[in-house]
Amino acid sequence: MEFHPVCKFSDIALGEAKPAVVAGYSVAIFNIRGKLYAIENICPHMAAPLDDGSLEGTKVTCRLHFWEVDVTNGQCVAPNNGHYVTTFPVKVERGVIKVGIEEIKAEVSEES
């Protein structure tokens, strides 16, 4: 897994979110009581961005159709229909937020 720098920790206030593109992925980073969470920044319903949704506790509500996603685990909580968004690990090093992206390695096949 490779961690990519996104922004300074001080760039995301408590209770706020910041969008970013990390290694080609649209990501939303949330600061909840000083703990950071990163999720795919696309609502599973109609692909609206989640970073501009309303945040209450650990749930972000999409502004388009009001679907709720728990930012700690990516699960849709309303409606509770089995949909989810991808979550990404986050760490802070020397005041810089870094988001982890799993590298996908293509298998190389050799034909004789």
C-alpha atoms as a PDB file:
ATOM      1  CA  MET A   1       0.000   0.000   0.000  1.00  0.00           C
ATOM      2  CA  GLU A   2       1.263   3.420  -0.898  1.00  0.00           C
ATOM      3  CA  PHE A   3       0.335   6.518   1.132  1.00  0.00           C
ATOM      4  CA  HIS A   4      -0.125   9.729  -0.854  1.00  0.00           C
ATOM      5  CA  PRO A   5       0.130  13.210   0.688  1.00  0.00           C
ATOM      6  CA  VAL A   6      -3.104  15.190   0.368  1.00  0.00           C
ATOM      7  CA  CYS A   7      -2.994  18.315   2.526  1.00  0.00           C
ATOM      8  CA  LYS A   8      -2.024  19.646   5.940  1.00  0.00           C
ATOM      9  CA  PHE A   9      -3.941  18.386   8.973  1.00  0.00           C
ATOM     10  CA  SER A  10      -4.792  22.011   9.757  1.00  0.00           C
ATOM     11  CA  ASP A  11      -6.565  22.323   6.370  1.00  0.00           C
ATOM     12  CA  ILE A  12      -9.571  20.295   7.576  1.00  0.00           C
ATOM     13  CA  ALA A  13     -11.387  21.777  10.586  1.00  0.00           C
ATOM     14  CA  LEU A  14     -13.322  19.644  13.049  1.00  0.00           C
ATOM     15  CA  GLY A  15     -16.610  18.486  11.538  1.00  0.00           C
ATOM     16  CA  GLU A  16     -15.558  19.342   7.997  1.00  0.00           C
ATOM     17  CA  ALA A  17     -14.574  17.450   4.869  1.00  0.00           C
ATOM     18  CA  LYS A  18     -12.096  17.999   2.075  1.00  0.00           C
ATOM     19  CA  PRO A  19     -12.262  16.480  -1.406  1.00  0.00           C
ATOM     20  CA  ALA A  20      -9.130  15.189  -3.103  1.00  0.00           C
ATOM     21  CA  VAL A  21      -8.053  13.062  -6.017  1.00  0.00           C
ATOM     22  CA  VAL A  22      -5.602  10.438  -4.794  1.00  0.00           C
ATOM     23  CA  ALA A  23      -3.942   8.140  -7.319  1.00  0.00           C
ATOM     24  CA  GLY A  24      -6.941   8.615  -9.617  1.00  0.00           C
ATOM     25  CA  TYR A  25      -9.574   8.012  -6.920  1.00  0.00           C
ATOM     26  CA  SER A  26     -12.069  10.680  -5.865  1.00  0.00           C
ATOM     27  CA  VAL A  27     -11.769  10.761  -2.070  1.00  0.00           C
ATOM     28  CA  ALA A  28     -13.453  12.724   0.723  1.00  0.00           C
ATOM     29  CA  ILE A  29     -11.517  13.154   3.969  1.00  0.00           C
ATOM     30  CA  PHE A  30     -13.554  13.881   7.101  1.00  0.00           C
ATOM     31  CA  ASN A  31     -12.313  15.263  10.419  1.00  0.00           C
ATOM     32  CA  ILE A  32     -14.539  13.896  13.169  1.00  0.00           C
ATOM     33  CA  ARG A  33     -13.461  15.035  16.627  1.00  0.00           C
ATOM     34  CA  GLY A  34      -9.830  15.086  15.485  1.00  0.00           C
ATOM     35  CA  LYS A  35      -9.876  11.627  13.886  1.00  0.00           C
ATOM     36  CA  LEU A  36      -9.613  11.435  10.112  1.00  0.00           C
ATOM     37  CA  TYR A  37     -11.604   9.147   7.817  1.00  0.00           C
ATOM     38  CA  ALA A  38     -11.311   8.826   4.042  1.00  0.00           C
ATOM     39  CA  ILE A  39     -14.031   7.403   1.832  1.00  0.00           C
ATOM     40  CA  GLU A  40     -14.812   7.254  -1.832  1.00  0.00           C
ATOM     41  CA  ASN A  41     -16.309  10.641  -2.688  1.00  0.00           C
ATOM     42  CA  ILE A  42     -19.194   9.232  -4.717  1.00  0.00           C
ATOM     43  CA  CYS A  43     -22.651   8.500  -3.314  1.00  0.00           C
ATOM     44  CA  PRO A  44     -23.620   4.934  -4.274  1.00  0.00           C
ATOM     45  CA  HIS A  45     -27.094   6.119  -5.286  1.00  0.00           C
ATOM     46  CA  MET A  46     -26.544   8.659  -8.068  1.00  0.00           C
ATOM     47  CA  ALA A  47     -22.774   9.358  -7.890  1.00  0.00           C
ATOM     48  CA  ALA A  48     -23.092  12.793  -6.236  1.00  0.00           C
ATOM     49  CA  PRO A  49     -20.069  14.008  -4.257  1.00  0.00           C
ATOM     50  CA  LEU A  50     -20.227  13.278  -0.522  1.00  0.00           C
ATOM     51  CA  ASP A  51     -17.719  15.900   0.642  1.00  0.00           C
ATOM     52  CA  ASP A  52     -20.379  18.625   0.384  1.00  0.00           C
ATOM     53  CA  GLY A  53     -23.004  16.605   2.252  1.00  0.00           C
ATOM     54  CA  SER A  54     -24.127  17.430   5.769  1.00  0.00           C
ATOM     55  CA  LEU A  55     -22.133  15.689   8.489  1.00  0.00           C
ATOM     56  CA  GLU A  56     -23.772  14.642  11.738  1.00  0.00           C
ATOM     57  CA  GLY A  57     -21.695  12.481  14.047  1.00  0.00           C
ATOM     58  CA  THR A  58     -20.096   9.879  11.794  1.00  0.00           C
ATOM     59  CA  LYS A  59     -22.784  10.039   9.091  1.00  0.00           C
ATOM     60  CA  VAL A  60     -22.658  12.174   5.973  1.00  0.00           C
ATOM     61  CA  THR A  61     -25.930  12.831   4.164  1.00  0.00           C
ATOM     62  CA  CYS A  62     -25.777  13.245   0.406  1.00  0.00           C
ATOM     63  CA  ARG A  63     -27.345  16.533  -0.651  1.00  0.00           C
ATOM     64  CA  LEU A  64     -28.852  15.079  -3.818  1.00  0.00           C
ATOM     65  CA  HIS A  65     -31.205  12.369  -2.500  1.00  0.00           C
ATOM     66  CA  PHE A  66     -30.367  12.285   1.227  1.00  0.00           C
ATOM     67  CA  TRP A  67     -28.697   8.902   1.389  1.00  0.00           C
ATOM     68  CA  GLU A  68     -26.623   8.548   4.576  1.00  0.00           C
ATOM     69  CA  VAL A  69     -23.176   6.948   4.677  1.00  0.00           C
ATOM     70  CA  ASP A  70     -21.174   6.126   7.812  1.00  0.00           C
ATOM     71  CA  VAL A  71     -17.722   7.568   7.115  1.00  0.00           C
ATOM     72  CA  THR A  72     -16.050   5.171   9.570  1.00  0.00           C
ATOM     73  CA  ASN A  73     -16.885   2.047   7.570  1.00  0.00           C
ATOM     74  CA  GLY A  74     -18.437   3.203   4.256  1.00  0.00           C
ATOM     75  CA  GLN A  75     -21.797   1.511   4.892  1.00  0.00           C
ATOM     76  CA  CYS A  76     -25.055   3.112   3.784  1.00  0.00           C
ATOM     77  CA  VAL A  77     -27.220   3.531   6.862  1.00  0.00           C
ATOM     78  CA  ALA A  78     -30.251   5.128   5.252  1.00  0.00           C
ATOM     79  CA  PRO A  79     -31.503   3.447   3.284  1.00  0.00           C
ATOM     80  CA  ASN A  80     -29.939   0.360   4.800  1.00  0.00           C
ATOM     81  CA  ASN A  81     -29.783  -1.549   1.545  1.00  0.00           C
ATOM     82  CA  GLY A  82     -26.355  -3.156   1.498  1.00  0.00           C
ATOM     83  CA  HIS A  83     -24.689  -0.401  -0.513  1.00  0.00           C
ATOM     84  CA  TYR A  84     -21.349   0.988   0.585  1.00  0.00           C
ATOM     85  CA  VAL A  85     -18.473   3.199  -0.515  1.00  0.00           C
ATOM     86  CA  THR A  86     -14.809   2.280  -0.403  1.00  0.00           C
ATOM     87  CA  THR A  87     -12.852   3.386   2.664  1.00  0.00           C
ATOM     88  CA  PHE A  88      -9.171   4.279   2.637  1.00  0.00           C
ATOM     89  CA  PRO A  89      -6.623   4.258   5.475  1.00  0.00           C
ATOM     90  CA  VAL A  90      -5.418   7.662   6.652  1.00  0.00           C
ATOM     91  CA  LYS A  91      -2.336   8.677   8.572  1.00  0.00           C
ATOM     92  CA  VAL A  92      -0.723  11.964   9.543  1.00  0.00           C
ATOM     93  CA  GLU A  93       3.030  12.412   9.298  1.00  0.00           C
ATOM     94  CA  ARG A  94       4.634  15.693  10.327  1.00  0.00           C
ATOM     95  CA  GLY A  95       1.296  17.450  10.028  1.00  0.00           C
ATOM     96  CA  VAL A  96       0.565  16.117   6.524  1.00  0.00           C
ATOM     97  CA  ILE A  97      -2.490  13.943   5.849  1.00  0.00           C
ATOM     98  CA  LYS A  98      -1.725  10.897   3.745  1.00  0.00           C
ATOM     99  CA  VAL A  99      -4.277   8.528   2.215  1.00  0.00           C
ATOM    100  CA  GLY A 100      -3.405   4.907   1.481  1.00  0.00           C
ATOM    101  CA  ILE A 101      -4.226   3.385  -1.867  1.00  0.00           C
ATOM    102  CA  GLU A 102      -3.773  -0.305  -2.535  1.00  0.00           C
ATOM    103  CA  GLU A 103      -1.702  -0.825  -5.647  1.00  0.00           C
ATOM    104  CA  ILE A 104      -3.219  -3.209  -8.138  1.00  0.00           C
ATOM    105  CA  LYS A 105      -0.558  -5.270  -9.799  1.00  0.00           C
ATOM    106  CA  ALA A 106      -1.394  -6.801 -13.124  1.00  0.00           C
ATOM    107  CA  GLU A 107      -0.309 -10.355 -13.638  1.00  0.00           C
ATOM    108  CA  VAL A 108       2.103 -10.779 -16.474  1.00  0.00           C
ATOM    109  CA  SER A 109       1.579 -13.876 -18.530  1.00  0.00           C
ATOM    110  CA  GLU A 110       4.256 -15.183 -20.801  1.00  0.00           C
ATOM    111  CA  GLU A 111       3.272 -17.008 -23.922  1.00  0.00           C
ATOM    112  CA  SER A 112       5.724 -19.483 -25.388  1.00  0.00           C
END
